[in-house]
């Protein structure tokens, strides 16, 4: 983490992190839906992870586009 990066590179990294968080959110949401009938405990765990990734996505959205939410 000692590399010096310019603002464009920092923006690209934040955008990649936001895309990754959004994909994880979708993945955990789908997993929660799949597990709801067969394993309620695992579905709850997946739902918690969904909310966590949703929060990360929202924070990164605010960093990228202040006031967008």
Protein backbone atom coordinates (compact mmCIF):
# COMPACT_ATOMS: atom_id res chain seq x y z
CA UNK A 1 0.00 0.00 0.00
CA UNK A 2 2.91 2.38 -0.42
CA UNK A 3 2.18 2.97 -4.10
CA UNK A 4 1.28 6.51 -4.98
CA UNK A 5 -1.77 6.63 -7.24
CA UNK A 6 -3.32 9.51 -9.10
CA UNK A 7 -6.95 10.53 -8.78
CA UNK A 8 -8.00 8.64 -11.93
CA UNK A 9 -6.54 5.39 -10.62
CA UNK A 10 -8.19 5.95 -7.25
CA UNK A 11 -11.52 6.52 -8.98
CA UNK A 12 -11.10 3.30 -11.00
CA UNK A 13 -10.32 1.34 -7.83
CA UNK A 14 -13.37 2.71 -6.05
CA UNK A 15 -15.55 1.88 -9.07
CA UNK A 16 -14.20 -1.68 -9.15
CA UNK A 17 -14.83 -2.04 -5.42
CA UNK A 18 -18.38 -0.76 -5.86
CA UNK A 19 -19.03 -3.19 -8.74
CA UNK A 20 -17.65 -6.07 -6.66
CA UNK A 21 -19.82 -5.15 -3.67
CA UNK A 22 -22.91 -4.89 -5.88
CA UNK A 23 -22.20 -8.33 -7.38
CA UNK A 24 -21.71 -9.85 -3.93
CA UNK A 25 -24.97 -8.25 -2.79
CA UNK A 26 -26.83 -9.86 -5.72
CA UNK A 27 -25.16 -13.20 -5.09
CA UNK A 28 -26.00 -13.29 -1.37
CA UNK A 29 -29.58 -12.11 -2.06
CA UNK A 30 -30.06 -14.99 -4.51
CA UNK A 31 -28.51 -17.43 -2.04
CA UNK A 32 -30.84 -16.19 0.71
CA UNK A 33 -33.86 -16.67 -1.55
CA UNK A 34 -32.75 -20.19 -2.48
CA UNK A 35 -32.16 -21.25 1.13
CA UNK A 36 -35.29 -19.71 2.64
CA UNK A 37 -37.43 -22.86 2.43
CA UNK A 38 -34.75 -25.48 3.08
CA UNK A 39 -32.44 -23.86 5.64
CA UNK A 40 -33.86 -20.81 7.43
CA UNK A 41 -30.72 -20.25 9.54
CA UNK A 42 -28.46 -20.16 6.50
CA UNK A 43 -30.98 -17.93 4.73
CA UNK A 44 -30.82 -15.46 7.63
CA UNK A 45 -27.02 -15.48 7.49
CA UNK A 46 -27.14 -14.82 3.76
CA UNK A 47 -29.65 -12.00 4.34
CA UNK A 48 -27.30 -10.38 6.86
CA UNK A 49 -24.45 -10.56 4.36
CA UNK A 50 -26.75 -9.05 1.73
CA UNK A 51 -27.42 -6.07 3.98
CA UNK A 52 -23.71 -5.66 4.68
CA UNK A 53 -22.81 -5.56 1.00
CA UNK A 54 -25.75 -3.23 0.35
CA UNK A 55 -24.29 -0.83 2.91
CA UNK A 56 -20.86 -0.97 1.28
CA UNK A 57 -22.44 -0.31 -2.12
CA UNK A 58 -24.34 2.69 -0.77
CA UNK A 59 -21.24 4.17 0.84
CA UNK A 60 -19.21 3.77 -2.34
CA UNK A 61 -22.09 5.27 -4.36
CA UNK A 62 -21.95 8.31 -2.09
CA UNK A 63 -18.17 8.56 -2.55
CA UNK A 64 -18.52 8.35 -6.34
CA UNK A 65 -21.64 10.50 -6.66
CA UNK A 66 -22.23 12.68 -3.59
CA UNK A 67 -25.91 13.28 -2.92
CA UNK A 68 -27.05 10.57 -5.34
CA UNK A 69 -29.07 8.74 -2.68
